[in-house]
PDB file of N, CA and C in Angstrom:
ATOM      1  N   MET A   1      75.235  50.776  26.220  1.00  0.00           N
ATOM      2  CA  MET A   1      75.208  51.091  24.684  1.00  0.00           C
ATOM      3  C   MET A   1      75.316  49.756  24.060  1.00  0.00           C
ATOM      4  N   PRO A   2      74.427  49.319  22.940  1.00  0.00           N
ATOM      5  CA  PRO A   2      74.501  47.993  22.342  1.00  0.00           C
ATOM      6  C   PRO A   2      75.766  48.007  21.372  1.00  0.00           C
ATOM      7  N   THR A   3      76.087  46.842  21.310  1.00  0.00           N
ATOM      8  CA  THR A   3      77.338  46.506  20.381  1.00  0.00           C
ATOM      9  C   THR A   3      76.824  45.968  19.029  1.00  0.00           C
ATOM     10  N   GLU A   4      77.736  45.977  18.145  1.00  0.00           N
ATOM     11  CA  GLU A   4      77.225  45.329  16.723  1.00  0.00           C
ATOM     12  C   GLU A   4      76.806  43.932  16.783  1.00  0.00           C
ATOM     13  N   GLN A   5      77.346  43.197  17.834  1.00  0.00           N
ATOM     14  CA  GLN A   5      77.145  41.718  17.903  1.00  0.00           C
ATOM     15  C   GLN A   5      75.760  41.510  18.545  1.00  0.00           C
ATOM     16  N   GLU A   6      75.078  42.371  19.208  1.00  0.00           N
ATOM     17  CA  GLU A   6      73.944  42.237  19.866  1.00  0.00           C
ATOM     18  C   GLU A   6      72.971  42.201  18.745  1.00  0.00           C
ATOM     19  N   ALA A   7      71.793  41.263  19.111  1.00  0.00           N
ATOM     20  CA  ALA A   7      70.794  41.070  17.974  1.00  0.00           C
ATOM     21  C   ALA A   7      69.871  42.332  17.859  1.00  0.00           C
ATOM     22  N   LYS A   8      69.690  42.720  16.703  1.00  0.00           N
ATOM     23  CA  LYS A   8      68.807  43.862  16.418  1.00  0.00           C
ATOM     24  C   LYS A   8      67.411  43.329  15.856  1.00  0.00           C
ATOM     25  N   PRO A   9      66.410  44.174  16.301  1.00  0.00           N
ATOM     26  CA  PRO A   9      65.160  43.658  15.925  1.00  0.00           C
ATOM     27  C   PRO A   9      64.983  43.652  14.387  1.00  0.00           C
ATOM     28  N   ALA A  10      64.402  42.602  13.911  1.00  0.00           N
ATOM     29  CA  ALA A  10      64.210  42.309  12.457  1.00  0.00           C
ATOM     30  C   ALA A  10      62.922  43.127  11.982  1.00  0.00           C
ATOM     31  N   VAL A  11      62.968  43.676  10.805  1.00  0.00           N
ATOM     32  CA  VAL A  11      61.809  44.412  10.278  1.00  0.00           C
ATOM     33  C   VAL A  11      61.211  43.209   9.393  1.00  0.00           C
ATOM     34  N   VAL A  12      59.904  42.887   9.682  1.00  0.00           N
ATOM     35  CA  VAL A  12      59.274  41.911   8.886  1.00  0.00           C
ATOM     36  C   VAL A  12      58.030  42.552   8.232  1.00  0.00           C
ATOM     37  N   THR A  13      57.910  42.436   7.117  1.00  0.00           N
ATOM     38  CA  THR A  13      56.783  43.020   6.328  1.00  0.00           C
ATOM     39  C   THR A  13      55.786  41.869   6.087  1.00  0.00           C
ATOM     40  N   PRO A  14      54.612  42.033   6.351  1.00  0.00           N
ATOM     41  CA  PRO A  14      53.734  40.979   6.137  1.00  0.00           C
ATOM     42  C   PRO A  14      53.473  40.572   4.567  1.00  0.00           C
ATOM     43  N   SER A  15      53.248  39.332   4.320  1.00  0.00           N
ATOM     44  CA  SER A  15      53.203  39.122   2.812  1.00  0.00           C
ATOM     45  C   SER A  15      51.789  39.407   2.382  1.00  0.00           C
ATOM     46  N   LEU A  16      51.851  39.985   1.350  1.00  0.00           N
ATOM     47  CA  LEU A  16      50.549  40.464   0.721  1.00  0.00           C
ATOM     48  C   LEU A  16      49.812  39.277  -0.072  1.00  0.00           C
ATOM     49  N   GLN A  17      48.625  39.068   0.326  1.00  0.00           N
ATOM     50  CA  GLN A  17      47.806  38.117  -0.369  1.00  0.00           C
ATOM     51  C   GLN A  17      47.375  38.506  -1.686  1.00  0.00           C
ATOM     52  N   GLN A  18      47.513  37.512  -2.637  1.00  0.00           N
ATOM     53  CA  GLN A  18      47.108  37.870  -3.976  1.00  0.00           C
ATOM     54  C   GLN A  18      45.659  38.150  -4.057  1.00  0.00           C
ATOM     55  N   TRP A  19      45.336  39.217  -4.609  1.00  0.00           N
ATOM     56  CA  TRP A  19      43.975  39.711  -4.726  1.00  0.00           C
ATOM     57  C   TRP A  19      43.315  38.914  -5.767  1.00  0.00           C
ATOM     58  N   ARG A  20      42.051  38.453  -5.605  1.00  0.00           N
ATOM     59  CA  ARG A  20      41.266  37.768  -6.691  1.00  0.00           C
ATOM     60  C   ARG A  20      40.185  38.634  -7.299  1.00  0.00           C
ATOM     61  N   SER A  21      39.851  38.215  -8.597  1.00  0.00           N
ATOM     62  CA  SER A  21      38.876  38.945  -9.126  1.00  0.00           C
ATOM     63  C   SER A  21      37.719  37.952  -9.694  1.00  0.00           C
ATOM     64  N   PRO A  22      36.470  38.413  -9.375  1.00  0.00           N
ATOM     65  CA  PRO A  22      35.439  37.517  -9.939  1.00  0.00           C
ATOM     66  C   PRO A  22      35.333  37.781 -11.452  1.00  0.00           C
ATOM     67  N   SER A  23      34.580  36.741 -12.029  1.00  0.00           N
ATOM     68  CA  SER A  23      34.407  37.025 -13.483  1.00  0.00           C
ATOM     69  C   SER A  23      33.382  38.174 -13.761  1.00  0.00           C
ATOM     70  N   THR A  24      33.283  38.615 -15.017  1.00  0.00           N
ATOM     71  CA  THR A  24      32.329  39.618 -15.339  1.00  0.00           C
ATOM     72  C   THR A  24      30.960  39.253 -15.626  1.00  0.00           C
ATOM     73  N   PHE A  25      29.970  39.855 -15.114  1.00  0.00           N
ATOM     74  CA  PHE A  25      28.625  39.486 -15.398  1.00  0.00           C
ATOM     75  C   PHE A  25      28.088  40.552 -16.444  1.00  0.00           C
ATOM     76  N   ARG A  26      27.415  39.984 -17.499  1.00  0.00           N
ATOM     77  CA  ARG A  26      26.878  40.804 -18.425  1.00  0.00           C
ATOM     78  C   ARG A  26      25.343  40.992 -18.477  1.00  0.00           C
ATOM     79  N   GLY A  27      24.812  40.047 -17.991  1.00  0.00           N
ATOM     80  CA  GLY A  27      23.323  40.047 -18.000  1.00  0.00           C
ATOM     81  C   GLY A  27      22.769  39.529 -19.375  1.00  0.00           C
ATOM     82  N   ALA A  28      23.565  38.761 -19.873  1.00  0.00           N
ATOM     83  CA  ALA A  28      23.142  38.264 -21.318  1.00  0.00           C
ATOM     84  C   ALA A  28      22.109  37.018 -21.051  1.00  0.00           C
ATOM     85  N   PRO A  29      21.348  36.757 -22.048  1.00  0.00           N
ATOM     86  CA  PRO A  29      20.355  35.673 -21.973  1.00  0.00           C
ATOM     87  C   PRO A  29      21.108  34.489 -21.654  1.00  0.00           C
ATOM     88  N   GLY A  30      20.631  33.610 -20.769  1.00  0.00           N
ATOM     89  CA  GLY A  30      21.400  32.325 -20.557  1.00  0.00           C
ATOM     90  C   GLY A  30      22.404  32.459 -19.429  1.00  0.00           C
ATOM     91  N   GLU A  31      22.792  33.510 -19.039  1.00  0.00           N
ATOM     92  CA  GLU A  31      23.723  33.924 -17.988  1.00  0.00           C
ATOM     93  C   GLU A  31      23.060  33.839 -16.674  1.00  0.00           C
ATOM     94  N   ASP A  32      23.783  33.094 -15.779  1.00  0.00           N
ATOM     95  CA  ASP A  32      22.852  32.646 -14.519  1.00  0.00           C
ATOM     96  C   ASP A  32      23.387  33.748 -13.381  1.00  0.00           C
ATOM     97  N   PRO A  33      22.458  34.546 -12.996  1.00  0.00           N
ATOM     98  CA  PRO A  33      22.866  35.565 -11.927  1.00  0.00           C
ATOM     99  C   PRO A  33      23.260  34.992 -10.624  1.00  0.00           C
ATOM    100  N   LEU A  34      22.450  33.938 -10.369  1.00  0.00           N
ATOM    101  CA  LEU A  34      22.787  33.160  -8.950  1.00  0.00           C
ATOM    102  C   LEU A  34      24.196  32.659  -8.850  1.00  0.00           C
ATOM    103  N   LYS A  35      24.535  32.007 -10.061  1.00  0.00           N
ATOM    104  CA  LYS A  35      25.968  31.398  -9.911  1.00  0.00           C
ATOM    105  C   LYS A  35      26.921  32.526 -10.066  1.00  0.00           C
ATOM    106  N   TRP A  36      26.715  33.553 -10.764  1.00  0.00           N
ATOM    107  CA  TRP A  36      27.790  34.777 -10.595  1.00  0.00           C
ATOM    108  C   TRP A  36      27.765  35.444  -9.215  1.00  0.00           C
ATOM    109  N   LEU A  37      26.605  35.650  -8.653  1.00  0.00           N
ATOM    110  CA  LEU A  37      26.663  36.196  -7.235  1.00  0.00           C
ATOM    111  C   LEU A  37      27.318  35.293  -6.190  1.00  0.00           C
ATOM    112  N   LYS A  38      27.077  33.958  -6.370  1.00  0.00           N
ATOM    113  CA  LYS A  38      27.909  33.087  -5.448  1.00  0.00           C
ATOM    114  C   LYS A  38      29.313  33.109  -5.708  1.00  0.00           C
ATOM    115  N   GLU A  39      29.814  33.222  -6.912  1.00  0.00           N
ATOM    116  CA  GLU A  39      31.139  33.423  -7.241  1.00  0.00           C
ATOM    117  C   GLU A  39      31.671  34.622  -6.783  1.00  0.00           C
ATOM    118  N   TYR A  40      30.894  35.710  -6.945  1.00  0.00           N
ATOM    119  CA  TYR A  40      31.306  37.216  -6.371  1.00  0.00           C
ATOM    120  C   TYR A  40      31.491  37.123  -4.856  1.00  0.00           C
ATOM    121  N   ASP A  41      30.468  36.473  -4.119  1.00  0.00           N
ATOM    122  CA  ASP A  41      30.535  36.428  -2.692  1.00  0.00           C
ATOM    123  C   ASP A  41      31.698  35.557  -2.283  1.00  0.00           C
ATOM    124  N   ARG A  42      31.952  34.526  -2.972  1.00  0.00           N
ATOM    125  CA  ARG A  42      33.110  33.572  -2.671  1.00  0.00           C
ATOM    126  C   ARG A  42      34.508  34.431  -2.790  1.00  0.00           C
ATOM    127  N   VAL A  43      34.654  35.281  -3.837  1.00  0.00           N
ATOM    128  CA  VAL A  43      35.756  36.104  -4.180  1.00  0.00           C
ATOM    129  C   VAL A  43      35.847  37.230  -3.184  1.00  0.00           C
ATOM    130  N   ALA A  44      34.718  37.785  -2.729  1.00  0.00           N
ATOM    131  CA  ALA A  44      34.762  38.995  -1.742  1.00  0.00           C
ATOM    132  C   ALA A  44      35.126  38.378  -0.336  1.00  0.00           C
ATOM    133  N   ASN A  45      34.707  37.122  -0.067  1.00  0.00           N
ATOM    134  CA  ASN A  45      35.161  36.568   1.180  1.00  0.00           C
ATOM    135  C   ASN A  45      36.669  36.325   1.116  1.00  0.00           C
ATOM    136  N   PHE A  46      37.195  35.906   0.153  1.00  0.00           N
ATOM    137  CA  PHE A  46      38.711  35.656  -0.089  1.00  0.00           C
ATOM    138  C   PHE A  46      39.395  37.055   0.100  1.00  0.00           C
ATOM    139  N   ASN A  47      38.936  38.093  -0.563  1.00  0.00           N
ATOM    140  CA  ASN A  47      39.556  39.460  -0.497  1.00  0.00           C
ATOM    141  C   ASN A  47      39.275  40.147   0.711  1.00  0.00           C
ATOM    142  N   LYS A  48      38.362  39.620   1.621  1.00  0.00           N
ATOM    143  CA  LYS A  48      37.976  40.204   2.964  1.00  0.00           C
ATOM    144  C   LYS A  48      37.274  41.421   2.667  1.00  0.00           C
ATOM    145  N   TRP A  49      36.359  41.489   1.699  1.00  0.00           N
ATOM    146  CA  TRP A  49      35.547  42.617   1.467  1.00  0.00           C
ATOM    147  C   TRP A  49      34.386  42.504   2.363  1.00  0.00           C
ATOM    148  N   ASP A  50      33.970  43.776   2.994  1.00  0.00           N
ATOM    149  CA  ASP A  50      32.750  43.773   3.763  1.00  0.00           C
ATOM    150  C   ASP A  50      31.660  44.049   2.625  1.00  0.00           C
ATOM    151  N   ASP A  51      30.444  44.205   3.018  1.00  0.00           N
ATOM    152  CA  ASP A  51      29.235  44.530   2.129  1.00  0.00           C
ATOM    153  C   ASP A  51      29.454  45.844   1.513  1.00  0.00           C
ATOM    154  N   MET A  52      30.015  46.894   2.191  1.00  0.00           N
ATOM    155  CA  MET A  52      30.289  48.100   1.535  1.00  0.00           C
ATOM    156  C   MET A  52      31.274  48.004   0.422  1.00  0.00           C
ATOM    157  N   MET A  53      32.338  47.213   0.526  1.00  0.00           N
ATOM    158  CA  MET A  53      33.366  47.120  -0.447  1.00  0.00           C
ATOM    159  C   MET A  53      32.766  46.229  -1.655  1.00  0.00           C
ATOM    160  N   CYS A  54      31.925  45.271  -1.361  1.00  0.00           N
ATOM    161  CA  CYS A  54      31.306  44.541  -2.301  1.00  0.00           C
ATOM    162  C   CYS A  54      30.515  45.370  -3.259  1.00  0.00           C
ATOM    163  N   LEU A  55      29.847  46.326  -2.716  1.00  0.00           N
ATOM    164  CA  LEU A  55      28.913  47.264  -3.501  1.00  0.00           C
ATOM    165  C   LEU A  55      29.878  48.236  -4.309  1.00  0.00           C
ATOM    166  N   ALA A  56      30.839  48.726  -3.518  1.00  0.00           N
ATOM    167  CA  ALA A  56      31.890  49.614  -4.171  1.00  0.00           C
ATOM    168  C   ALA A  56      32.652  49.131  -5.487  1.00  0.00           C
ATOM    169  N   ASN A  57      32.887  47.682  -5.463  1.00  0.00           N
ATOM    170  CA  ASN A  57      33.670  47.052  -6.505  1.00  0.00           C
ATOM    171  C   ASN A  57      32.838  46.473  -7.513  1.00  0.00           C
ATOM    172  N   VAL A  58      31.477  46.347  -7.308  1.00  0.00           N
ATOM    173  CA  VAL A  58      30.706  45.504  -8.255  1.00  0.00           C
ATOM    174  C   VAL A  58      30.743  46.125  -9.552  1.00  0.00           C
ATOM    175  N   TYR A  59      30.636  47.441  -9.633  1.00  0.00           N
ATOM    176  CA  TYR A  59      30.693  48.110 -10.963  1.00  0.00           C
ATOM    177  C   TYR A  59      31.797  47.718 -12.051  1.00  0.00           C
ATOM    178  N   PHE A  60      32.954  47.398 -11.401  1.00  0.00           N
ATOM    179  CA  PHE A  60      33.968  46.995 -12.184  1.00  0.00           C
ATOM    180  C   PHE A  60      33.962  45.542 -12.745  1.00  0.00           C
ATOM    181  N   PHE A  61      33.033  44.802 -12.292  1.00  0.00           N
ATOM    182  CA  PHE A  61      32.707  43.383 -12.734  1.00  0.00           C
ATOM    183  C   PHE A  61      31.478  43.284 -13.415  1.00  0.00           C
ATOM    184  N   LEU A  62      30.866  44.281 -13.900  1.00  0.00           N
ATOM    185  CA  LEU A  62      29.676  44.363 -14.656  1.00  0.00           C
ATOM    186  C   LEU A  62      29.928  44.851 -16.118  1.00  0.00           C
ATOM    187  N   ASP A  63      29.311  44.366 -17.183  1.00  0.00           N
ATOM    188  CA  ASP A  63      29.612  44.926 -18.495  1.00  0.00           C
ATOM    189  C   ASP A  63      28.170  44.872 -19.179  1.00  0.00           C
ATOM    190  N   GLY A  64      28.064  45.477 -20.331  1.00  0.00           N
ATOM    191  CA  GLY A  64      26.846  45.285 -21.203  1.00  0.00           C
ATOM    192  C   GLY A  64      25.617  45.726 -20.597  1.00  0.00           C
ATOM    193  N   THR A  65      24.564  44.875 -20.728  1.00  0.00           N
ATOM    194  CA  THR A  65      23.321  45.247 -20.191  1.00  0.00           C
ATOM    195  C   THR A  65      23.393  45.253 -18.677  1.00  0.00           C
ATOM    196  N   ALA A  66      24.025  44.448 -17.898  1.00  0.00           N
ATOM    197  CA  ALA A  66      24.111  44.565 -16.567  1.00  0.00           C
ATOM    198  C   ALA A  66      24.737  45.769 -16.076  1.00  0.00           C
ATOM    199  N   ARG A  67      25.850  46.240 -16.623  1.00  0.00           N
ATOM    200  CA  ARG A  67      26.457  47.506 -16.279  1.00  0.00           C
ATOM    201  C   ARG A  67      25.348  48.780 -16.572  1.00  0.00           C
ATOM    202  N   GLN A  68      24.860  48.704 -17.694  1.00  0.00           N
ATOM    203  CA  GLN A  68      23.839  49.767 -17.986  1.00  0.00           C
ATOM    204  C   GLN A  68      22.682  49.832 -16.942  1.00  0.00           C
ATOM    205  N   TRP A  69      22.151  48.592 -16.642  1.00  0.00           N
ATOM    206  CA  TRP A  69      21.079  48.491 -15.575  1.00  0.00           C
ATOM    207  C   TRP A  69      21.644  49.097 -14.313  1.00  0.00           C
ATOM    208  N   TYR A  70      22.965  48.757 -13.914  1.00  0.00           N
ATOM    209  CA  TYR A  70      23.269  49.233 -12.687  1.00  0.00           C
ATOM    210  C   TYR A  70      23.612  50.734 -12.702  1.00  0.00           C
ATOM    211  N   VAL A  71      24.026  51.371 -13.746  1.00  0.00           N
ATOM    212  CA  VAL A  71      24.123  52.797 -13.903  1.00  0.00           C
ATOM    213  C   VAL A  71      22.841  53.446 -13.729  1.00  0.00           C
ATOM    214  N   ASN A  72      21.817  52.941 -14.354  1.00  0.00           N
ATOM    215  CA  ASN A  72      20.534  53.377 -14.337  1.00  0.00           C
ATOM    216  C   ASN A  72      19.745  53.306 -13.023  1.00  0.00           C
ATOM    217  N   ASN A  73      20.273  52.478 -12.156  1.00  0.00           N
ATOM    218  CA  ASN A  73      19.586  52.019 -10.914  1.00  0.00           C
ATOM    219  C   ASN A  73      20.391  52.319  -9.622  1.00  0.00           C
ATOM    220  N   GLU A  74      21.565  53.022  -9.893  1.00  0.00           N
ATOM    221  CA  GLU A  74      22.589  52.910  -8.890  1.00  0.00           C
ATOM    222  C   GLU A  74      22.084  53.538  -7.599  1.00  0.00           C
ATOM    223  N   ASP A  75      21.284  54.709  -7.516  1.00  0.00           N
ATOM    224  CA  ASP A  75      20.710  55.302  -6.336  1.00  0.00           C
ATOM    225  C   ASP A  75      19.999  54.249  -5.666  1.00  0.00           C
ATOM    226  N   ALA A  76      19.157  53.592  -6.286  1.00  0.00           N
ATOM    227  CA  ALA A  76      18.188  52.517  -5.515  1.00  0.00           C
ATOM    228  C   ALA A  76      19.006  51.342  -4.998  1.00  0.00           C
ATOM    229  N   LEU A  77      20.094  51.043  -5.714  1.00  0.00           N
ATOM    230  CA  LEU A  77      21.038  49.923  -5.184  1.00  0.00           C
ATOM    231  C   LEU A  77      22.010  50.335  -4.102  1.00  0.00           C
ATOM    232  N   ASP A  78      21.350  50.750  -2.873  1.00  0.00           N
ATOM    233  CA  ASP A  78      22.103  51.383  -1.974  1.00  0.00           C
ATOM    234  C   ASP A  78      22.823  50.470  -0.896  1.00  0.00           C
ATOM    235  N   SER A  79      22.732  49.264  -0.997  1.00  0.00           N
ATOM    236  CA  SER A  79      23.274  48.164  -0.114  1.00  0.00           C
ATOM    237  C   SER A  79      23.615  46.902  -0.966  1.00  0.00           C
ATOM    238  N   TRP A  80      24.458  46.152  -0.404  1.00  0.00           N
ATOM    239  CA  TRP A  80      25.029  44.916  -0.997  1.00  0.00           C
ATOM    240  C   TRP A  80      23.626  44.047  -1.128  1.00  0.00           C
ATOM    241  N   GLU A  81      22.810  43.893  -0.053  1.00  0.00           N
ATOM    242  CA  GLU A  81      21.721  43.068   0.046  1.00  0.00           C
ATOM    243  C   GLU A  81      20.764  43.622  -1.148  1.00  0.00           C
ATOM    244  N   ALA A  82      20.527  44.851  -1.299  1.00  0.00           N
ATOM    245  CA  ALA A  82      19.650  45.469  -2.192  1.00  0.00           C
ATOM    246  C   ALA A  82      20.142  45.042  -3.819  1.00  0.00           C
ATOM    247  N   PHE A  83      21.332  45.185  -3.810  1.00  0.00           N
ATOM    248  CA  PHE A  83      21.984  44.818  -5.111  1.00  0.00           C
ATOM    249  C   PHE A  83      21.807  43.328  -5.518  1.00  0.00           C
ATOM    250  N   LYS A  84      21.892  42.459  -4.646  1.00  0.00           N
ATOM    251  CA  LYS A  84      21.836  41.118  -4.826  1.00  0.00           C
ATOM    252  C   LYS A  84      20.434  40.776  -5.160  1.00  0.00           C
ATOM    253  N   LYS A  85      19.440  41.271  -4.267  1.00  0.00           N
ATOM    254  CA  LYS A  85      18.090  41.067  -4.554  1.00  0.00           C
ATOM    255  C   LYS A  85      17.536  41.402  -5.892  1.00  0.00           C
ATOM    256  N   TRP A  86      17.849  42.619  -6.286  1.00  0.00           N
ATOM    257  CA  TRP A  86      17.417  43.189  -7.568  1.00  0.00           C
ATOM    258  C   TRP A  86      18.248  42.601  -8.775  1.00  0.00           C
ATOM    259  N   THR A  87      19.492  42.183  -8.583  1.00  0.00           N
ATOM    260  CA  THR A  87      20.083  41.434  -9.665  1.00  0.00           C
ATOM    261  C   THR A  87      19.486  40.081  -9.971  1.00  0.00           C
ATOM    262  N   LYS A  88      19.098  39.341  -8.943  1.00  0.00           N
ATOM    263  CA  LYS A  88      18.459  38.170  -9.010  1.00  0.00           C
ATOM    264  C   LYS A  88      17.073  38.285  -9.719  1.00  0.00           C
ATOM    265  N   TRP A  89      16.228  39.358  -9.426  1.00  0.00           N
ATOM    266  CA  TRP A  89      15.045  39.570  -9.847  1.00  0.00           C
ATOM    267  C   TRP A  89      15.114  40.061 -11.274  1.00  0.00           C
ATOM    268  N   THR A  90      15.970  40.857 -11.596  1.00  0.00           N
ATOM    269  CA  THR A  90      15.944  41.527 -12.994  1.00  0.00           C
ATOM    270  C   THR A  90      16.599  40.457 -13.973  1.00  0.00           C
ATOM    271  N   PHE A  91      17.563  39.787 -13.513  1.00  0.00           N
ATOM    272  CA  PHE A  91      18.243  38.884 -14.477  1.00  0.00           C
ATOM    273  C   PHE A  91      17.816  37.413 -14.433  1.00  0.00           C
ATOM    274  N   ARG A  92      16.857  37.031 -13.757  1.00  0.00           N
ATOM    275  CA  ARG A  92      16.450  35.600 -13.619  1.00  0.00           C
ATOM    276  C   ARG A  92      16.118  35.085 -14.911  1.00  0.00           C
TER     277      ARG A  92
END
């Protein structure tokens, strides 16, 4: 039977990494979709998002014209690669 003086296992909770958010893309004239996608990919990598999570989260970082375009085309944008391809083409 263990005594109180014996070492007890410590409960260690992992530190939670601060989650990052990319800037919002609006699809406004002069806004660079390539620059925004690069930033989004960098944030996604930091947050450890896979392609499925990138696509699931992108809606929350779109606004204005870009969000309306996404809503209108959501069924066709069925992968992260498709989203990136069509974002570059649409907002170039």
